[in-house]
Each structure stands twice: as structure tokens, then as C-alpha cells.
Amino acid sequence: MPEAGLGGMRANQVNVVGTSGQAAGAGNGHGKPGVVLSAGERAAVAARARRDLLRTIFAQGLMALVAALVAWGVAGPAAGVSALAGAGAYFIPNACFGLRLLLDIYRPGGANPFTFLFGEVLKLGLTVLLLWAIVRVGGDHIVWPALLVGLLCALKGYVLLLMFRKLS
């Protein structure tokens, strides 16, 4: 049995209407209609999604650059390049995925769950491929702690937004 959520409602009792106007999962077995959003409310949700998506990509890029600069300052150029490479291995596929999701927001039918799943799998695969290429090309010149810190900073770039309450 699902746990009660905010306001005593169960998580599976509320459905959101998609851009087509039909409630997603309207036949949830509880006989309750889905939440119906007006065109203005849907536009506000889409605008907020676009803003938060762009902010997240920007924050991840900023954290990647900060990690590279700190590594460069602390341990030299090889560490800075390693941190930038580690951050880039995640940031580049993630930024491409984020921009693809941004395009889906503007599409008349909206975002497709399959597109999201396929994009997420592709993003992870490209990240692994880029990390493999970095190891292959960098060889003994890689500073592993810096590479891992750069990767971690790019992965957790959204924390910067949470700290400044810019992500809801």
C-alpha cells in the first residue's frame, strides 16, 4: 500500500494532464480524475522546466571549470587538464542530452518517455566511452585524483543551484 503524501493524499491518486489534454493514467482505479492544467499553467510549467534545465547545465559547466582551475592551482597543469577531462567526460554528453530535452519541451507533443530513457542510456554510454578515451590517450599523464574530482564536480553541479535556492 502506498504511503500517504502531502495533505494526506496517496501518491497514486493524483495524475497530471499531458500536453494532449488527457490525464496521464486517468484509469488509476481510484475513480478520481487527473489534475487538469490550463494552457497558461502548462506554459508556466514548461517555462520553469526550460529555466531549470539551462541553469543546471550552466552550473555543471561552472563547477567543471572551477574544479579544473583549483586542480591547476594546487597540483599544476597536468592536474588541471585531468580535472577538465574528467568533468568534460560527463558534462559534454549531459549538456547534449539536456539540450535535446529542451527541444522536446518546444515540440507540440511534448517530451516522450522513450526519448528520455534512450537519451539517458546514450548519455551514460558516451560518458563511459569518453572516460575510456581519456585513459587511452592520456596514459601516464593523467592525474587520477584530479580526474575523479573533476568528474564528481560535474556530476554534482546542481548542488550549486540548491545552495543558492535557484532550483526548485
N, C-alpha and C. Protein backbone atom coordinates (compact mmCIF):
# COMPACT_ATOMS: atom_id res chain seq x y z
N MET A 1 0.85 -1.17 0.00
CA MET A 1 0.00 0.00 0.00
C MET A 1 0.90 1.25 0.00
N PRO A 2 0.63 2.22 -0.87
CA PRO A 2 1.47 3.42 -0.93
C PRO A 2 1.34 4.25 0.32
N GLU A 3 2.41 4.92 0.65
CA GLU A 3 2.43 5.80 1.82
C GLU A 3 1.66 7.07 1.52
N ALA A 4 1.05 7.66 2.54
CA ALA A 4 0.34 8.92 2.37
C ALA A 4 1.35 10.03 2.15
N GLY A 5 1.06 10.89 1.23
CA GLY A 5 1.95 12.00 0.91
C GLY A 5 1.49 13.29 1.55
N LEU A 6 1.83 14.41 0.96
CA LEU A 6 1.44 15.70 1.47
C LEU A 6 -0.07 15.84 1.45
N GLY A 7 -0.62 16.42 2.49
CA GLY A 7 -2.06 16.66 2.55
C GLY A 7 -2.87 15.39 2.68
N GLY A 8 -2.24 14.29 3.08
CA GLY A 8 -2.96 13.05 3.29
C GLY A 8 -3.31 12.32 2.00
N MET A 9 -2.90 12.83 0.85
CA MET A 9 -3.21 12.17 -0.42
C MET A 9 -2.19 11.09 -0.70
N ARG A 10 -2.61 10.04 -1.31
CA ARG A 10 -1.69 8.99 -1.70
C ARG A 10 -1.03 9.38 -3.01
N ALA A 11 0.21 8.94 -3.19
CA ALA A 11 0.99 9.33 -4.36
C ALA A 11 0.32 8.92 -5.66
N ASN A 12 -0.42 7.83 -5.67
CA ASN A 12 -1.00 7.37 -6.93
C ASN A 12 -2.40 7.92 -7.17
N GLN A 13 -2.88 8.86 -6.37
CA GLN A 13 -4.21 9.42 -6.55
C GLN A 13 -4.21 10.66 -7.42
N VAL A 14 -3.08 11.23 -7.70
CA VAL A 14 -3.02 12.45 -8.49
C VAL A 14 -2.32 12.17 -9.80
N ASN A 15 -2.95 12.54 -10.88
CA ASN A 15 -2.37 12.37 -12.21
C ASN A 15 -2.28 13.73 -12.85
N VAL A 16 -1.26 13.94 -13.64
CA VAL A 16 -1.08 15.21 -14.31
C VAL A 16 -1.49 15.06 -15.76
N VAL A 17 -2.16 16.08 -16.27
CA VAL A 17 -2.59 16.06 -17.66
C VAL A 17 -1.44 16.46 -18.55
N GLY A 18 -1.22 15.69 -19.59
CA GLY A 18 -0.15 15.99 -20.53
C GLY A 18 -0.58 17.09 -21.49
N THR A 19 0.28 17.37 -22.46
CA THR A 19 0.01 18.45 -23.40
C THR A 19 -1.16 18.12 -24.32
N SER A 20 -1.53 16.85 -24.44
CA SER A 20 -2.65 16.50 -25.29
C SER A 20 -3.98 16.80 -24.63
N GLY A 21 -3.98 17.09 -23.32
CA GLY A 21 -5.21 17.42 -22.61
C GLY A 21 -5.82 16.23 -21.91
N GLN A 22 -5.31 15.02 -22.11
CA GLN A 22 -5.84 13.85 -21.44
C GLN A 22 -5.00 13.55 -20.22
N ALA A 23 -5.67 13.09 -19.19
CA ALA A 23 -4.96 12.79 -17.95
C ALA A 23 -4.07 11.58 -18.16
N ALA A 24 -2.84 11.68 -17.71
CA ALA A 24 -1.91 10.56 -17.78
C ALA A 24 -2.31 9.57 -16.71
N GLY A 25 -2.63 8.35 -17.09
CA GLY A 25 -3.02 7.34 -16.11
C GLY A 25 -4.37 7.61 -15.50
N ALA A 26 -5.31 8.16 -16.30
CA ALA A 26 -6.62 8.54 -15.77
C ALA A 26 -7.35 7.34 -15.16
N GLY A 27 -7.11 6.17 -15.66
CA GLY A 27 -7.76 4.99 -15.10
C GLY A 27 -6.93 4.39 -14.00
N ASN A 28 -6.74 5.12 -12.90
CA ASN A 28 -5.86 4.66 -11.83
C ASN A 28 -6.56 3.74 -10.84
N GLY A 29 -7.82 3.44 -11.08
CA GLY A 29 -8.51 2.51 -10.20
C GLY A 29 -9.12 3.17 -8.99
N HIS A 30 -8.93 4.46 -8.79
CA HIS A 30 -9.48 5.14 -7.63
C HIS A 30 -10.70 5.97 -7.98
N GLY A 31 -11.02 6.04 -9.28
CA GLY A 31 -12.18 6.80 -9.71
C GLY A 31 -12.00 8.30 -9.60
N LYS A 32 -10.80 8.75 -9.37
CA LYS A 32 -10.53 10.18 -9.24
C LYS A 32 -9.97 10.70 -10.55
N PRO A 33 -10.44 11.86 -10.99
CA PRO A 33 -9.89 12.41 -12.24
C PRO A 33 -8.49 12.95 -12.02
N GLY A 34 -7.74 13.05 -13.11
CA GLY A 34 -6.40 13.62 -13.04
C GLY A 34 -6.45 15.12 -12.84
N VAL A 35 -5.33 15.69 -12.51
CA VAL A 35 -5.23 17.14 -12.36
C VAL A 35 -5.26 17.75 -13.75
N VAL A 36 -6.12 18.71 -13.95
CA VAL A 36 -6.25 19.35 -15.24
C VAL A 36 -5.57 20.70 -15.18
N LEU A 37 -4.61 20.91 -16.08
CA LEU A 37 -3.89 22.18 -16.14
C LEU A 37 -4.42 23.01 -17.29
N SER A 38 -4.57 24.29 -17.04
CA SER A 38 -4.97 25.19 -18.13
C SER A 38 -3.78 25.40 -19.05
N ALA A 39 -4.02 26.02 -20.19
CA ALA A 39 -2.94 26.29 -21.14
C ALA A 39 -1.89 27.20 -20.49
N GLY A 40 -2.33 28.15 -19.70
CA GLY A 40 -1.39 29.05 -19.01
C GLY A 40 -0.54 28.32 -17.99
N GLU A 41 -1.17 27.39 -17.26
CA GLU A 41 -0.43 26.62 -16.27
C GLU A 41 0.58 25.70 -16.94
N ARG A 42 0.19 25.08 -18.07
CA ARG A 42 1.13 24.23 -18.81
C ARG A 42 2.30 25.05 -19.33
N ALA A 43 2.00 26.27 -19.80
CA ALA A 43 3.07 27.15 -20.29
C ALA A 43 4.01 27.54 -19.16
N ALA A 44 3.47 27.78 -17.97
CA ALA A 44 4.31 28.13 -16.82
C ALA A 44 5.20 26.96 -16.41
N VAL A 45 4.64 25.75 -16.43
CA VAL A 45 5.43 24.56 -16.09
C VAL A 45 6.55 24.36 -17.12
N ALA A 46 6.24 24.54 -18.40
CA ALA A 46 7.25 24.39 -19.46
C ALA A 46 8.33 25.46 -19.32
N ALA A 47 7.95 26.69 -19.01
CA ALA A 47 8.94 27.76 -18.84
C ALA A 47 9.86 27.47 -17.66
N ARG A 48 9.29 26.97 -16.59
CA ARG A 48 10.10 26.64 -15.41
C ARG A 48 11.05 25.48 -15.72
N ALA A 49 10.57 24.50 -16.48
CA ALA A 49 11.41 23.36 -16.86
C ALA A 49 12.58 23.84 -17.72
N ARG A 50 12.30 24.71 -18.68
CA ARG A 50 13.38 25.24 -19.53
C ARG A 50 14.41 25.99 -18.69
N ARG A 51 13.93 26.85 -17.81
CA ARG A 51 14.83 27.66 -16.98
C ARG A 51 15.70 26.77 -16.09
N ASP A 52 15.08 25.80 -15.41
CA ASP A 52 15.83 24.93 -14.51
C ASP A 52 16.81 24.04 -15.26
N LEU A 53 16.44 23.60 -16.46
CA LEU A 53 17.33 22.77 -17.26
C LEU A 53 18.57 23.55 -17.69
N LEU A 54 18.37 24.76 -18.16
CA LEU A 54 19.51 25.59 -18.56
C LEU A 54 20.38 25.97 -17.37
N ARG A 55 19.75 26.26 -16.25
CA ARG A 55 20.53 26.58 -15.04
C ARG A 55 21.38 25.40 -14.60
N THR A 56 20.82 24.21 -14.68
CA THR A 56 21.56 23.02 -14.27
C THR A 56 22.76 22.78 -15.17
N ILE A 57 22.57 22.91 -16.47
CA ILE A 57 23.69 22.74 -17.40
C ILE A 57 24.77 23.79 -17.13
N PHE A 58 24.35 25.03 -16.91
CA PHE A 58 25.30 26.10 -16.62
C PHE A 58 26.07 25.81 -15.33
N ALA A 59 25.36 25.37 -14.29
CA ALA A 59 26.01 25.10 -13.01
C ALA A 59 27.02 23.96 -13.13
N GLN A 60 26.70 22.94 -13.91
CA GLN A 60 27.63 21.83 -14.09
C GLN A 60 28.88 22.29 -14.83
N GLY A 61 28.70 23.13 -15.84
CA GLY A 61 29.85 23.68 -16.56
C GLY A 61 30.70 24.56 -15.67
N LEU A 62 30.06 25.37 -14.84
CA LEU A 62 30.79 26.24 -13.92
C LEU A 62 31.59 25.42 -12.91
N MET A 63 30.97 24.39 -12.36
CA MET A 63 31.68 23.52 -11.40
C MET A 63 32.84 22.80 -12.07
N ALA A 64 32.70 22.43 -13.32
CA ALA A 64 33.79 21.77 -14.06
C ALA A 64 34.97 22.73 -14.20
N LEU A 65 34.69 23.97 -14.57
CA LEU A 65 35.77 24.95 -14.71
C LEU A 65 36.43 25.26 -13.38
N VAL A 66 35.65 25.39 -12.33
CA VAL A 66 36.21 25.66 -11.01
C VAL A 66 37.10 24.50 -10.57
N ALA A 67 36.65 23.28 -10.79
CA ALA A 67 37.46 22.11 -10.42
C ALA A 67 38.78 22.10 -11.18
N ALA A 68 38.73 22.43 -12.47
CA ALA A 68 39.96 22.45 -13.27
C ALA A 68 40.90 23.55 -12.80
N LEU A 69 40.38 24.72 -12.51
CA LEU A 69 41.23 25.83 -12.06
C LEU A 69 41.85 25.54 -10.69
N VAL A 70 41.06 24.97 -9.79
CA VAL A 70 41.60 24.63 -8.46
C VAL A 70 42.66 23.55 -8.59
N ALA A 71 42.40 22.52 -9.39
CA ALA A 71 43.38 21.45 -9.58
C ALA A 71 44.66 22.00 -10.20
N TRP A 72 44.53 22.90 -11.17
CA TRP A 72 45.68 23.52 -11.81
C TRP A 72 46.49 24.31 -10.78
N GLY A 73 45.78 25.08 -9.95
CA GLY A 73 46.46 25.89 -8.94
C GLY A 73 47.12 25.07 -7.85
N VAL A 74 46.52 23.97 -7.48
CA VAL A 74 47.04 23.15 -6.39
C VAL A 74 48.13 22.19 -6.86
N ALA A 75 47.92 21.54 -7.99
CA ALA A 75 48.83 20.46 -8.39
C ALA A 75 49.46 20.64 -9.77
N GLY A 76 49.21 21.75 -10.43
CA GLY A 76 49.87 22.01 -11.70
C GLY A 76 49.01 21.74 -12.93
N PRO A 77 49.59 22.00 -14.10
CA PRO A 77 48.83 21.90 -15.34
C PRO A 77 48.29 20.50 -15.65
N ALA A 78 49.05 19.47 -15.35
CA ALA A 78 48.58 18.10 -15.64
C ALA A 78 47.32 17.79 -14.84
N ALA A 79 47.27 18.25 -13.60
CA ALA A 79 46.08 18.03 -12.76
C ALA A 79 44.91 18.85 -13.28
N GLY A 80 45.17 20.07 -13.72
CA GLY A 80 44.10 20.90 -14.26
C GLY A 80 43.49 20.31 -15.51
N VAL A 81 44.33 19.81 -16.40
CA VAL A 81 43.84 19.19 -17.62
C VAL A 81 43.11 17.89 -17.29
N SER A 82 43.61 17.14 -16.33
CA SER A 82 42.95 15.89 -15.92
C SER A 82 41.57 16.18 -15.34
N ALA A 83 41.47 17.20 -14.50
CA ALA A 83 40.18 17.57 -13.91
C ALA A 83 39.21 18.03 -14.99
N LEU A 84 39.71 18.82 -15.93
CA LEU A 84 38.85 19.29 -17.02
C LEU A 84 38.40 18.12 -17.90
N ALA A 85 39.28 17.18 -18.15
CA ALA A 85 38.92 16.00 -18.94
C ALA A 85 37.88 15.15 -18.21
N GLY A 86 38.07 14.95 -16.92
CA GLY A 86 37.10 14.16 -16.14
C GLY A 86 35.74 14.83 -16.11
N ALA A 87 35.74 16.15 -15.92
CA ALA A 87 34.47 16.88 -15.91
C ALA A 87 33.83 16.87 -17.29
N GLY A 88 34.65 17.03 -18.32
CA GLY A 88 34.12 17.04 -19.68
C GLY A 88 33.53 15.71 -20.09
N ALA A 89 34.06 14.63 -19.55
CA ALA A 89 33.55 13.30 -19.89
C ALA A 89 32.09 13.15 -19.49
N TYR A 90 31.67 13.87 -18.46
CA TYR A 90 30.26 13.84 -18.07
C TYR A 90 29.51 15.04 -18.61
N PHE A 91 30.14 16.20 -18.59
CA PHE A 91 29.44 17.43 -18.96
C PHE A 91 29.02 17.45 -20.43
N ILE A 92 29.88 17.01 -21.32
CA ILE A 92 29.56 17.07 -22.75
C ILE A 92 28.34 16.21 -23.10
N PRO A 93 28.31 14.92 -22.73
CA PRO A 93 27.09 14.14 -23.03
C PRO A 93 25.86 14.67 -22.29
N ASN A 94 26.05 15.14 -21.06
CA ASN A 94 24.92 15.64 -20.29
C ASN A 94 24.36 16.92 -20.89
N ALA A 95 25.23 17.81 -21.35
CA ALA A 95 24.77 19.05 -21.99
C ALA A 95 24.02 18.73 -23.28
N CYS A 96 24.52 17.80 -24.05
CA CYS A 96 23.82 17.40 -25.28
C CYS A 96 22.44 16.81 -24.96
N PHE A 97 22.39 15.98 -23.94
CA PHE A 97 21.12 15.39 -23.51
C PHE A 97 20.17 16.47 -23.01
N GLY A 98 20.68 17.39 -22.22
CA GLY A 98 19.84 18.47 -21.71
C GLY A 98 19.29 19.35 -22.82
N LEU A 99 20.12 19.65 -23.80
CA LEU A 99 19.65 20.46 -24.92
C LEU A 99 18.62 19.70 -25.75
N ARG A 100 18.78 18.39 -25.85
CA ARG A 100 17.78 17.57 -26.55
C ARG A 100 16.45 17.60 -25.80
N LEU A 101 16.50 17.53 -24.48
CA LEU A 101 15.28 17.63 -23.69
C LEU A 101 14.64 19.01 -23.84
N LEU A 102 15.48 20.02 -23.94
CA LEU A 102 14.98 21.38 -24.13
C LEU A 102 14.21 21.48 -25.45
N LEU A 103 14.71 20.84 -26.49
CA LEU A 103 14.00 20.84 -27.76
C LEU A 103 12.66 20.10 -27.64
N ASP A 104 12.62 19.04 -26.84
CA ASP A 104 11.38 18.30 -26.64
C ASP A 104 10.31 19.15 -25.96
N ILE A 105 10.73 20.08 -25.12
CA ILE A 105 9.75 20.93 -24.44
C ILE A 105 9.00 21.79 -25.46
N TYR A 106 9.69 22.19 -26.53
CA TYR A 106 9.07 23.03 -27.56
C TYR A 106 8.26 22.23 -28.57
N ARG A 107 8.45 20.93 -28.60
CA ARG A 107 7.74 20.09 -29.55
C ARG A 107 6.26 20.04 -29.19
N PRO A 108 5.37 20.07 -30.18
CA PRO A 108 3.93 20.09 -29.88
C PRO A 108 3.46 18.94 -28.99
N GLY A 109 3.95 17.74 -29.18
CA GLY A 109 3.52 16.61 -28.36
C GLY A 109 4.19 16.55 -27.00
N GLY A 110 5.19 17.36 -26.79
CA GLY A 110 5.92 17.35 -25.53
C GLY A 110 6.97 16.26 -25.49
N ALA A 111 7.53 16.06 -24.33
CA ALA A 111 8.59 15.08 -24.14
C ALA A 111 8.01 13.67 -24.18
N ASN A 112 8.79 12.76 -24.70
CA ASN A 112 8.40 11.37 -24.83
C ASN A 112 9.22 10.56 -23.83
N PRO A 113 8.61 9.70 -23.02
CA PRO A 113 9.38 8.91 -22.06
C PRO A 113 10.45 8.04 -22.71
N PHE A 114 10.17 7.51 -23.89
CA PHE A 114 11.17 6.69 -24.58
C PHE A 114 12.37 7.53 -24.96
N THR A 115 12.14 8.76 -25.44
CA THR A 115 13.24 9.65 -25.79
C THR A 115 14.10 9.92 -24.57
N PHE A 116 13.46 10.14 -23.43
CA PHE A 116 14.20 10.39 -22.19
C PHE A 116 15.04 9.17 -21.83
N LEU A 117 14.44 7.99 -21.83
CA LEU A 117 15.16 6.77 -21.47
C LEU A 117 16.32 6.51 -22.43
N PHE A 118 16.06 6.62 -23.72
CA PHE A 118 17.10 6.41 -24.72
C PHE A 118 18.22 7.43 -24.55
N GLY A 119 17.86 8.69 -24.31
CA GLY A 119 18.86 9.73 -24.11
C GLY A 119 19.71 9.49 -22.88
N GLU A 120 19.08 9.03 -21.82
CA GLU A 120 19.82 8.74 -20.58
C GLU A 120 20.80 7.60 -20.78
N VAL A 121 20.38 6.54 -21.46
CA VAL A 121 21.27 5.41 -21.74
C VAL A 121 22.42 5.86 -22.64
N LEU A 122 22.10 6.64 -23.67
CA LEU A 122 23.12 7.15 -24.57
C LEU A 122 24.12 8.05 -23.83
N LYS A 123 23.60 8.89 -22.95
CA LYS A 123 24.47 9.78 -22.16
C LYS A 123 25.44 8.98 -21.30
N LEU A 124 24.95 7.97 -20.63
CA LEU A 124 25.83 7.15 -19.79
C LEU A 124 26.85 6.39 -20.63
N GLY A 125 26.41 5.86 -21.76
CA GLY A 125 27.33 5.15 -22.65
C GLY A 125 28.42 6.07 -23.19
N LEU A 126 28.05 7.28 -23.59
CA LEU A 126 29.05 8.24 -24.08
C LEU A 126 30.01 8.66 -22.98
N THR A 127 29.51 8.78 -21.76
CA THR A 127 30.38 9.13 -20.63
C THR A 127 31.44 8.05 -20.42
N VAL A 128 31.01 6.80 -20.43
CA VAL A 128 31.95 5.69 -20.27
C VAL A 128 32.94 5.67 -21.44
N LEU A 129 32.45 5.89 -22.64
CA LEU A 129 33.32 5.91 -23.82
C LEU A 129 34.35 7.05 -23.74
N LEU A 130 33.92 8.22 -23.31
CA LEU A 130 34.85 9.35 -23.17
C LEU A 130 35.88 9.09 -22.08
N LEU A 131 35.46 8.50 -20.96
CA LEU A 131 36.42 8.17 -19.90
C LEU A 131 37.44 7.16 -20.42
N TRP A 132 36.98 6.17 -21.18
CA TRP A 132 37.90 5.19 -21.76
C TRP A 132 38.88 5.88 -22.70
N ALA A 133 38.39 6.81 -23.53
CA ALA A 133 39.26 7.52 -24.47
C ALA A 133 40.27 8.39 -23.73
N ILE A 134 39.86 9.00 -22.63
CA ILE A 134 40.79 9.82 -21.84
C ILE A 134 41.92 8.95 -21.30
N VAL A 135 41.57 7.79 -20.78
CA VAL A 135 42.59 6.88 -20.24
C VAL A 135 43.50 6.41 -21.36
N ARG A 136 42.93 6.10 -22.50
CA ARG A 136 43.71 5.60 -23.64
C ARG A 136 44.67 6.65 -24.17
N VAL A 137 44.20 7.89 -24.30
CA VAL A 137 45.02 8.96 -24.86
C VAL A 137 45.95 9.56 -23.81
N GLY A 138 45.43 9.72 -22.60
CA GLY A 138 46.22 10.38 -21.54
C GLY A 138 47.31 9.51 -20.95
N GLY A 139 47.04 8.24 -20.87
CA GLY A 139 48.03 7.30 -20.35
C GLY A 139 48.59 7.69 -19.00
N ASP A 140 49.91 7.79 -18.92
CA ASP A 140 50.59 8.09 -17.66
C ASP A 140 50.50 9.56 -17.27
N HIS A 141 49.99 10.40 -18.14
CA HIS A 141 49.91 11.83 -17.84
C HIS A 141 48.67 12.20 -17.03
N ILE A 142 47.78 11.25 -16.84
CA ILE A 142 46.54 11.51 -16.10
C ILE A 142 46.85 11.58 -14.61
N VAL A 143 46.31 12.61 -13.98
CA VAL A 143 46.36 12.72 -12.52
C VAL A 143 44.99 12.24 -12.04
N TRP A 144 44.95 11.00 -11.57
CA TRP A 144 43.68 10.35 -11.27
C TRP A 144 42.84 11.07 -10.22
N PRO A 145 43.43 11.52 -9.10
CA PRO A 145 42.57 12.24 -8.14
C PRO A 145 41.91 13.48 -8.77
N ALA A 146 42.65 14.21 -9.59
CA ALA A 146 42.09 15.39 -10.23
C ALA A 146 40.99 15.01 -11.22
N LEU A 147 41.21 13.95 -11.99
CA LEU A 147 40.20 13.49 -12.94
C LEU A 147 38.91 13.12 -12.22
N LEU A 148 39.04 12.39 -11.13
CA LEU A 148 37.86 11.96 -10.38
C LEU A 148 37.15 13.13 -9.70
N VAL A 149 37.92 14.10 -9.20
CA VAL A 149 37.31 15.29 -8.60
C VAL A 149 36.58 16.10 -9.67
N GLY A 150 37.18 16.23 -10.84
CA GLY A 150 36.51 16.94 -11.93
C GLY A 150 35.22 16.25 -12.33
N LEU A 151 35.25 14.94 -12.44
CA LEU A 151 34.06 14.16 -12.77
C LEU A 151 32.99 14.35 -11.70
N LEU A 152 33.38 14.26 -10.44
CA LEU A 152 32.44 14.42 -9.34
C LEU A 152 31.84 15.82 -9.31
N CYS A 153 32.65 16.84 -9.56
CA CYS A 153 32.13 18.21 -9.57
C CYS A 153 31.12 18.41 -10.68
N ALA A 154 31.36 17.85 -11.84
CA ALA A 154 30.39 17.96 -12.93
C ALA A 154 29.11 17.18 -12.61
N LEU A 155 29.27 16.01 -12.00
CA LEU A 155 28.10 15.21 -11.61
C LEU A 155 27.23 15.94 -10.61
N LYS A 156 27.84 16.66 -9.71
CA LYS A 156 27.11 17.31 -8.62
C LYS A 156 26.98 18.82 -8.80
N GLY A 157 27.05 19.28 -10.04
CA GLY A 157 26.94 20.71 -10.30
C GLY A 157 25.62 21.31 -9.85
N TYR A 158 24.56 20.52 -9.86
CA TYR A 158 23.26 21.03 -9.45
C TYR A 158 23.22 21.42 -7.97
N VAL A 159 24.16 20.90 -7.18
CA VAL A 159 24.23 21.26 -5.76
C VAL A 159 24.46 22.76 -5.61
N LEU A 160 25.20 23.34 -6.54
CA LEU A 160 25.42 24.78 -6.55
C LEU A 160 24.08 25.52 -6.62
N LEU A 161 23.17 25.04 -7.45
CA LEU A 161 21.85 25.66 -7.55
C LEU A 161 21.04 25.47 -6.29
N LEU A 162 21.15 24.31 -5.69
CA LEU A 162 20.42 24.06 -4.45
C LEU A 162 20.92 24.95 -3.32
N MET A 163 22.25 25.19 -3.31
CA MET A 163 22.82 26.06 -2.27
C MET A 163 22.28 27.47 -2.37
N PHE A 164 22.10 27.95 -3.58
CA PHE A 164 21.63 29.33 -3.78
C PHE A 164 20.12 29.39 -4.06
N ARG A 165 19.45 28.27 -3.81
CA ARG A 165 17.99 28.18 -3.97
C ARG A 165 17.52 28.64 -5.34
N LYS A 166 18.26 28.26 -6.37
CA LYS A 166 17.90 28.59 -7.73
C LYS A 166 17.26 27.42 -8.46
N LEU A 167 17.10 26.33 -7.78
CA LEU A 167 16.47 25.16 -8.37
C LEU A 167 15.34 24.74 -7.46
N SER A 168 14.16 24.58 -8.05
CA SER A 168 13.01 24.22 -7.20
C SER A 168 12.67 22.78 -7.30
